[in-house]
Amino acid sequence: MEVTGKLVKKLDLETGTSKAGKEWQKQSIVIDTGGEFNNEVCVSAFGDKVGQMNKLEIGMDVSVLCNVYSREYNGKYYHNIDGYWFSNQSNASSDKIQNGEAEQDMPF
């Protein structure tokens, strides 16, 4: 699933140690999708993806590819949105314009 919009908030980095003794880290960002209802989406990153996500800054137009899944616990469902690819859409647009690709996607 792809989530696009403006990055409005970065939440604090969370760290810990798993039961197996491995260190882990998680950070989340909030993206305003511009939708009429429920327009803010919180996307989390784990491990090495945290570094990729930290290249994004508040106010940037971003695109995030993510896995969306739910788990059941005691009859209730809990949802996760985990990002695995983070992109600054502002740079992608300017790169296309600089390379002469914008508005020239004709097959001839």
Protein backbone atom coordinates (compact mmCIF):
# COMPACT_ATOMS: atom_id res chain seq x y z
CA MET A 1 0.00 0.00 0.00
CA GLU A 2 1.22 3.52 -0.74
CA VAL A 3 0.53 6.51 1.54
CA THR A 4 1.25 9.98 0.14
CA GLY A 5 0.89 13.42 1.66
CA LYS A 6 2.63 16.03 3.76
CA LEU A 7 4.80 14.95 6.71
CA VAL A 8 3.35 16.77 9.73
CA LYS A 9 4.97 15.10 12.74
CA LYS A 10 7.86 12.84 13.78
CA LEU A 11 7.30 10.90 16.97
CA ASP A 12 10.08 10.06 19.43
CA LEU A 13 12.43 7.14 18.76
CA GLU A 14 11.56 4.04 20.80
CA THR A 15 14.23 1.46 21.69
CA GLY A 16 14.36 -1.72 23.67
CA THR A 17 15.58 -5.28 23.96
CA SER A 18 13.58 -8.29 22.79
CA LYS A 19 13.07 -11.45 24.86
CA ALA A 20 15.81 -13.00 22.73
CA GLY A 21 18.22 -10.25 23.82
CA LYS A 22 18.33 -8.35 20.52
CA GLU A 23 18.24 -4.56 20.46
CA TRP A 24 15.42 -2.96 18.46
CA GLN A 25 14.35 0.55 17.48
CA LYS A 26 11.11 1.98 16.15
CA GLN A 27 10.04 5.44 15.04
CA SER A 28 6.77 6.72 13.66
CA ILE A 29 5.74 9.64 11.47
CA VAL A 30 2.34 11.22 10.84
CA ILE A 31 1.33 12.00 7.25
CA ASP A 32 -1.55 14.30 6.30
CA THR A 33 -3.07 12.69 3.20
CA GLY A 34 -5.28 15.68 2.43
CA GLY A 35 -8.42 13.55 2.59
CA GLU A 36 -11.72 14.96 3.77
CA PHE A 37 -12.11 12.46 6.63
CA ASN A 38 -9.49 10.67 8.74
CA ASN A 39 -6.72 12.44 6.85
CA GLU A 40 -3.81 11.67 9.21
CA VAL A 41 -2.00 8.33 8.97
CA CYS A 42 0.71 7.17 11.38
CA VAL A 43 3.39 5.00 9.74
CA SER A 44 6.09 3.19 11.73
CA ALA A 45 9.61 2.14 10.74
CA PHE A 46 11.76 -0.52 12.40
CA GLY A 47 15.50 -1.22 12.45
CA ASP A 48 17.49 0.05 9.46
CA LYS A 49 14.36 1.63 7.94
CA VAL A 50 14.44 4.26 10.72
CA GLY A 51 17.55 5.79 9.12
CA GLN A 52 15.85 5.92 5.72
CA MET A 53 12.78 7.56 7.24
CA ASN A 54 14.87 10.14 9.12
CA LYS A 55 16.00 11.67 5.81
CA LEU A 56 12.50 13.13 5.54
CA GLU A 57 11.70 16.44 7.21
CA ILE A 58 8.49 17.97 8.52
CA GLY A 59 6.63 19.83 5.77
CA MET A 60 7.91 17.64 2.91
CA ASP A 61 5.56 15.94 0.47
CA VAL A 62 6.31 12.26 0.98
CA SER A 63 5.41 8.85 -0.36
CA VAL A 64 5.66 5.72 1.79
CA LEU A 65 5.24 2.10 0.72
CA CYS A 66 3.98 0.10 3.66
CA ASN A 67 2.53 -3.16 4.89
CA VAL A 68 -0.87 -2.89 6.58
CA TYR A 69 -1.96 -5.72 8.84
CA SER A 70 -4.16 -6.54 11.83
CA ARG A 71 -3.78 -8.90 14.77
CA GLU A 72 -6.43 -10.24 17.09
CA TYR A 73 -5.90 -10.25 20.87
CA ASN A 74 -8.67 -11.15 23.33
CA GLY A 75 -11.39 -10.54 20.76
CA LYS A 76 -10.10 -7.11 19.70
CA TYR A 77 -8.16 -6.24 16.57
CA TYR A 78 -5.04 -4.07 16.55
CA HIS A 79 -3.69 -2.53 13.36
CA ASN A 80 -0.15 -1.76 12.24
CA ILE A 81 1.15 0.27 9.31
CA ASP A 82 4.83 -0.50 8.82
CA GLY A 83 6.77 1.49 6.23
CA TYR A 84 9.54 -0.14 4.21
CA TRP A 85 10.31 2.54 1.57
CA PHE A 86 10.28 6.29 2.19
CA SER A 87 10.55 8.94 -0.52
CA ASN A 88 10.57 12.74 -0.65
CA GLN A 89 8.09 13.55 -3.44
CA SER A 90 9.36 17.15 -3.71
CA ASN A 91 12.78 15.91 -4.87
CA ALA A 92 11.26 13.34 -7.23
CA SER A 93 9.30 16.08 -9.03
CA SER A 94 12.27 18.43 -9.28
CA ASP A 95 14.51 15.59 -10.52
CA LYS A 96 12.07 14.89 -13.36
CA ILE A 97 11.92 18.55 -14.31
CA GLN A 98 15.73 18.87 -14.25
CA ASN A 99 16.12 15.78 -16.43
CA GLY A 100 13.55 17.05 -18.95
CA GLU A 101 11.14 14.24 -18.21
CA ALA A 102 8.24 16.35 -16.98
CA GLU A 103 5.39 16.77 -19.43
CA GLN A 104 7.32 14.75 -22.06
CA ASP A 105 6.06 11.24 -21.52
CA MET A 106 5.01 10.85 -25.15
CA PRO A 107 5.94 7.59 -26.91
CA PHE A 108 7.45 9.39 -29.95
